[in-house]
Amino acid sequence: MKAVNYTPEMTAQIVDDYQAGITVETIADSIGKSVRSVRSKLVREGVYVAKPKVTARKSDEPTKKELLIELESVAPFSVDGFMGATKPAIMDLIAHFKS
């Protein structure tokens, strides 16, 4: 007979704790299980909600795509093929055509 990893009572408790806002890390520590194990159990129980991935921009600098759109609006030529250019080079071109 296989040993039970999570009893029905333990499962109910971790689901209740998670829904009450207790972190997966805290729940895992309290029952002596890994974070991965607790997260997997919560997923199987249908209650775990993954945190949205946040892609951090390094600064308030415009992206290369935004710069190319701006360059396209001021340059008298197609900007196709400039994706390999550096951001400073694109900014220099924009400054040249704006002056």
N, C-alpha and C. Protein backbone atom coordinates (compact mmCIF):
# COMPACT_ATOMS: atom_id res chain seq x y z
N MET A 1 0.85 -1.19 0.00
CA MET A 1 0.00 0.00 0.00
C MET A 1 0.89 1.25 0.00
N LYS A 2 0.54 2.20 -0.85
CA LYS A 2 1.34 3.41 -1.00
C LYS A 2 1.05 4.38 0.15
N ALA A 3 2.11 4.98 0.65
CA ALA A 3 1.94 5.97 1.72
C ALA A 3 1.25 7.21 1.15
N VAL A 4 0.35 7.78 1.91
CA VAL A 4 -0.39 8.96 1.48
C VAL A 4 0.47 10.19 1.73
N ASN A 5 0.68 10.95 0.67
CA ASN A 5 1.50 12.16 0.77
C ASN A 5 0.75 13.28 1.48
N TYR A 6 -0.51 13.44 1.14
CA TYR A 6 -1.36 14.47 1.74
C TYR A 6 -2.66 13.81 2.20
N THR A 7 -2.94 13.92 3.49
CA THR A 7 -4.21 13.39 3.99
C THR A 7 -5.32 14.34 3.54
N PRO A 8 -6.56 13.87 3.56
CA PRO A 8 -7.67 14.78 3.20
C PRO A 8 -7.71 16.00 4.12
N GLU A 9 -7.37 15.80 5.40
CA GLU A 9 -7.37 16.92 6.36
C GLU A 9 -6.26 17.92 6.00
N MET A 10 -5.06 17.38 5.66
CA MET A 10 -3.94 18.24 5.31
C MET A 10 -4.27 19.02 4.03
N THR A 11 -4.87 18.34 3.08
CA THR A 11 -5.25 18.99 1.83
C THR A 11 -6.23 20.13 2.10
N ALA A 12 -7.23 19.86 2.91
CA ALA A 12 -8.23 20.89 3.24
C ALA A 12 -7.55 22.07 3.92
N GLN A 13 -6.60 21.79 4.81
CA GLN A 13 -5.92 22.86 5.55
C GLN A 13 -5.07 23.73 4.62
N ILE A 14 -4.31 23.09 3.72
CA ILE A 14 -3.47 23.92 2.84
C ILE A 14 -4.31 24.72 1.86
N VAL A 15 -5.44 24.16 1.42
CA VAL A 15 -6.34 24.90 0.53
C VAL A 15 -6.92 26.10 1.28
N ASP A 16 -7.38 25.86 2.52
CA ASP A 16 -7.94 26.96 3.33
C ASP A 16 -6.88 28.05 3.57
N ASP A 17 -5.67 27.62 3.94
CA ASP A 17 -4.59 28.57 4.21
C ASP A 17 -4.27 29.39 2.97
N TYR A 18 -4.16 28.71 1.83
CA TYR A 18 -3.83 29.40 0.59
C TYR A 18 -4.92 30.40 0.23
N GLN A 19 -6.17 29.99 0.35
CA GLN A 19 -7.28 30.89 0.02
C GLN A 19 -7.40 32.04 1.01
N ALA A 20 -6.81 31.88 2.20
CA ALA A 20 -6.82 32.95 3.20
C ALA A 20 -5.66 33.93 2.97
N GLY A 21 -4.85 33.64 1.96
CA GLY A 21 -3.78 34.57 1.62
C GLY A 21 -2.42 34.21 2.17
N ILE A 22 -2.30 33.05 2.79
CA ILE A 22 -1.00 32.62 3.30
C ILE A 22 -0.16 32.15 2.12
N THR A 23 1.11 32.55 2.12
CA THR A 23 1.97 32.22 0.98
C THR A 23 2.26 30.73 0.92
N VAL A 24 2.54 30.26 -0.28
CA VAL A 24 2.88 28.85 -0.49
C VAL A 24 4.13 28.50 0.31
N GLU A 25 5.08 29.43 0.38
CA GLU A 25 6.32 29.21 1.14
C GLU A 25 6.02 28.96 2.61
N THR A 26 5.14 29.77 3.19
CA THR A 26 4.78 29.64 4.60
C THR A 26 4.04 28.33 4.85
N ILE A 27 3.12 27.99 3.96
CA ILE A 27 2.38 26.73 4.10
C ILE A 27 3.35 25.55 4.04
N ALA A 28 4.27 25.58 3.08
CA ALA A 28 5.24 24.49 2.92
C ALA A 28 6.08 24.33 4.20
N ASP A 29 6.54 25.44 4.75
CA ASP A 29 7.33 25.39 5.99
C ASP A 29 6.52 24.79 7.13
N SER A 30 5.25 25.17 7.22
CA SER A 30 4.42 24.74 8.35
C SER A 30 4.11 23.24 8.32
N ILE A 31 4.12 22.63 7.13
CA ILE A 31 3.80 21.19 7.06
C ILE A 31 5.01 20.33 6.70
N GLY A 32 6.17 20.97 6.57
CA GLY A 32 7.39 20.21 6.30
C GLY A 32 7.47 19.63 4.90
N LYS A 33 6.90 20.33 3.95
CA LYS A 33 6.95 19.89 2.55
C LYS A 33 7.64 20.97 1.72
N SER A 34 8.06 20.61 0.52
CA SER A 34 8.70 21.60 -0.35
C SER A 34 7.65 22.53 -0.95
N VAL A 35 8.11 23.71 -1.33
CA VAL A 35 7.23 24.67 -1.99
C VAL A 35 6.65 24.05 -3.26
N ARG A 36 7.50 23.35 -4.00
CA ARG A 36 7.06 22.73 -5.25
C ARG A 36 5.95 21.71 -5.00
N SER A 37 6.09 20.92 -3.94
CA SER A 37 5.09 19.91 -3.61
C SER A 37 3.74 20.56 -3.26
N VAL A 38 3.81 21.59 -2.42
CA VAL A 38 2.57 22.28 -2.01
C VAL A 38 1.92 22.95 -3.22
N ARG A 39 2.73 23.62 -4.04
CA ARG A 39 2.19 24.29 -5.23
C ARG A 39 1.52 23.26 -6.15
N SER A 40 2.17 22.13 -6.35
CA SER A 40 1.59 21.08 -7.20
C SER A 40 0.27 20.58 -6.65
N LYS A 41 0.22 20.39 -5.35
CA LYS A 41 -1.03 19.92 -4.73
C LYS A 41 -2.14 20.95 -4.91
N LEU A 42 -1.80 22.23 -4.72
CA LEU A 42 -2.80 23.29 -4.90
C LEU A 42 -3.28 23.37 -6.35
N VAL A 43 -2.37 23.13 -7.29
CA VAL A 43 -2.76 23.09 -8.71
C VAL A 43 -3.73 21.94 -8.94
N ARG A 44 -3.38 20.75 -8.40
CA ARG A 44 -4.27 19.58 -8.58
C ARG A 44 -5.64 19.81 -7.94
N GLU A 45 -5.67 20.58 -6.87
CA GLU A 45 -6.95 20.89 -6.22
C GLU A 45 -7.71 22.01 -6.94
N GLY A 46 -7.06 22.62 -7.93
CA GLY A 46 -7.73 23.64 -8.74
C GLY A 46 -7.83 25.01 -8.09
N VAL A 47 -6.98 25.29 -7.10
CA VAL A 47 -7.07 26.58 -6.41
C VAL A 47 -5.87 27.49 -6.63
N TYR A 48 -4.76 26.92 -7.07
CA TYR A 48 -3.54 27.73 -7.22
C TYR A 48 -3.67 28.67 -8.41
N VAL A 49 -3.34 29.93 -8.18
CA VAL A 49 -3.34 30.92 -9.25
C VAL A 49 -1.91 31.40 -9.40
N ALA A 50 -1.33 31.16 -10.56
CA ALA A 50 0.05 31.59 -10.81
C ALA A 50 0.13 33.10 -10.81
N LYS A 51 1.22 33.61 -10.27
CA LYS A 51 1.43 35.05 -10.28
C LYS A 51 1.75 35.46 -11.71
N PRO A 52 1.17 36.56 -12.17
CA PRO A 52 1.47 36.99 -13.53
C PRO A 52 2.95 37.32 -13.66
N LYS A 53 3.52 36.94 -14.77
CA LYS A 53 4.93 37.24 -15.01
C LYS A 53 5.07 38.72 -15.31
N VAL A 54 6.04 39.31 -14.68
CA VAL A 54 6.28 40.73 -14.87
C VAL A 54 7.58 40.89 -15.62
N THR A 55 7.49 41.54 -16.75
CA THR A 55 8.72 41.82 -17.48
C THR A 55 9.09 43.26 -17.17
N ALA A 56 10.19 43.40 -16.50
CA ALA A 56 10.62 44.72 -16.08
C ALA A 56 11.40 45.40 -17.19
N ARG A 57 11.01 46.62 -17.48
CA ARG A 57 11.81 47.42 -18.41
C ARG A 57 12.92 48.03 -17.60
N LYS A 58 14.08 48.08 -18.19
CA LYS A 58 15.25 48.55 -17.47
C LYS A 58 15.15 50.03 -17.11
N SER A 59 14.43 50.79 -17.88
CA SER A 59 14.31 52.22 -17.60
C SER A 59 13.10 52.77 -18.33
N ASP A 60 13.00 54.06 -18.31
CA ASP A 60 11.91 54.72 -19.03
C ASP A 60 12.28 54.96 -20.49
N GLU A 61 13.45 54.44 -20.89
CA GLU A 61 13.90 54.56 -22.27
C GLU A 61 12.92 53.88 -23.21
N PRO A 62 12.72 54.47 -24.40
CA PRO A 62 11.84 53.79 -25.37
C PRO A 62 12.49 52.50 -25.87
N THR A 63 11.66 51.58 -26.30
CA THR A 63 12.18 50.32 -26.86
C THR A 63 12.72 50.59 -28.25
N LYS A 64 13.46 49.63 -28.78
CA LYS A 64 13.99 49.76 -30.14
C LYS A 64 12.83 49.89 -31.13
N LYS A 65 11.78 49.11 -30.91
CA LYS A 65 10.62 49.16 -31.80
C LYS A 65 10.00 50.56 -31.79
N GLU A 66 9.86 51.15 -30.60
CA GLU A 66 9.29 52.50 -30.50
C GLU A 66 10.19 53.51 -31.21
N LEU A 67 11.50 53.34 -31.07
CA LEU A 67 12.43 54.24 -31.75
C LEU A 67 12.32 54.11 -33.27
N LEU A 68 12.19 52.88 -33.76
CA LEU A 68 12.06 52.68 -35.21
C LEU A 68 10.77 53.28 -35.74
N ILE A 69 9.70 53.21 -34.96
CA ILE A 69 8.44 53.84 -35.38
C ILE A 69 8.62 55.35 -35.48
N GLU A 70 9.32 55.92 -34.49
CA GLU A 70 9.59 57.36 -34.53
C GLU A 70 10.49 57.72 -35.71
N LEU A 71 11.53 56.91 -35.94
CA LEU A 71 12.44 57.16 -37.07
C LEU A 71 11.67 57.11 -38.38
N GLU A 72 10.77 56.14 -38.50
CA GLU A 72 9.98 56.00 -39.72
C GLU A 72 9.16 57.25 -39.99
N SER A 73 8.72 57.93 -38.93
CA SER A 73 7.89 59.12 -39.10
C SER A 73 8.70 60.35 -39.52
N VAL A 74 10.02 60.35 -39.30
CA VAL A 74 10.82 61.53 -39.64
C VAL A 74 11.81 61.29 -40.79
N ALA A 75 12.14 60.05 -41.10
CA ALA A 75 13.14 59.76 -42.12
C ALA A 75 12.51 59.69 -43.51
N PRO A 76 13.24 60.14 -44.52
CA PRO A 76 12.70 60.10 -45.89
C PRO A 76 12.95 58.76 -46.59
N PHE A 77 13.14 57.69 -45.79
CA PHE A 77 13.41 56.37 -46.36
C PHE A 77 12.79 55.30 -45.46
N SER A 78 12.71 54.10 -45.99
CA SER A 78 12.17 52.97 -45.24
C SER A 78 13.15 52.57 -44.14
N VAL A 79 12.62 52.23 -42.98
CA VAL A 79 13.49 51.82 -41.86
C VAL A 79 13.61 50.30 -41.77
N ASP A 80 13.06 49.59 -42.77
CA ASP A 80 13.21 48.13 -42.80
C ASP A 80 14.70 47.81 -42.78
N GLY A 81 15.09 46.87 -41.98
CA GLY A 81 16.49 46.47 -41.92
C GLY A 81 17.27 47.17 -40.82
N PHE A 82 16.65 48.11 -40.11
CA PHE A 82 17.34 48.82 -39.04
C PHE A 82 17.20 48.14 -37.67
N MET A 83 16.52 47.00 -37.63
CA MET A 83 16.32 46.31 -36.34
C MET A 83 17.66 45.91 -35.73
N GLY A 84 18.67 45.69 -36.56
CA GLY A 84 19.99 45.32 -36.03
C GLY A 84 20.80 46.50 -35.54
N ALA A 85 20.32 47.71 -35.79
CA ALA A 85 21.05 48.91 -35.35
C ALA A 85 20.92 49.06 -33.83
N THR A 86 21.89 49.73 -33.25
CA THR A 86 21.82 49.96 -31.80
C THR A 86 20.85 51.10 -31.52
N LYS A 87 20.35 51.13 -30.29
CA LYS A 87 19.43 52.20 -29.91
C LYS A 87 20.09 53.57 -30.02
N PRO A 88 21.36 53.72 -29.57
CA PRO A 88 22.00 55.04 -29.73
C PRO A 88 22.10 55.46 -31.20
N ALA A 89 22.38 54.51 -32.10
CA ALA A 89 22.48 54.85 -33.52
C ALA A 89 21.12 55.30 -34.06
N ILE A 90 20.07 54.62 -33.64
CA ILE A 90 18.73 55.01 -34.10
C ILE A 90 18.38 56.39 -33.54
N MET A 91 18.73 56.63 -32.28
CA MET A 91 18.44 57.95 -31.68
C MET A 91 19.22 59.05 -32.40
N ASP A 92 20.46 58.75 -32.81
CA ASP A 92 21.24 59.73 -33.58
C ASP A 92 20.56 60.04 -34.90
N LEU A 93 20.05 59.04 -35.58
CA LEU A 93 19.35 59.26 -36.85
C LEU A 93 18.09 60.11 -36.64
N ILE A 94 17.34 59.81 -35.59
CA ILE A 94 16.13 60.58 -35.29
C ILE A 94 16.51 62.04 -35.06
N ALA A 95 17.55 62.26 -34.26
CA ALA A 95 17.99 63.64 -33.95
C ALA A 95 18.43 64.34 -35.25
N HIS A 96 19.12 63.63 -36.12
CA HIS A 96 19.58 64.22 -37.39
C HIS A 96 18.40 64.69 -38.25
N PHE A 97 17.38 63.82 -38.37
CA PHE A 97 16.25 64.15 -39.23
C PHE A 97 15.29 65.15 -38.59
N LYS A 98 15.35 65.30 -37.29
CA LYS A 98 14.49 66.27 -36.61
C LYS A 98 15.10 67.66 -36.65
N SER A 99 16.41 67.74 -36.85
CA SER A 99 17.07 69.06 -36.80
C SER A 99 17.01 69.77 -38.13
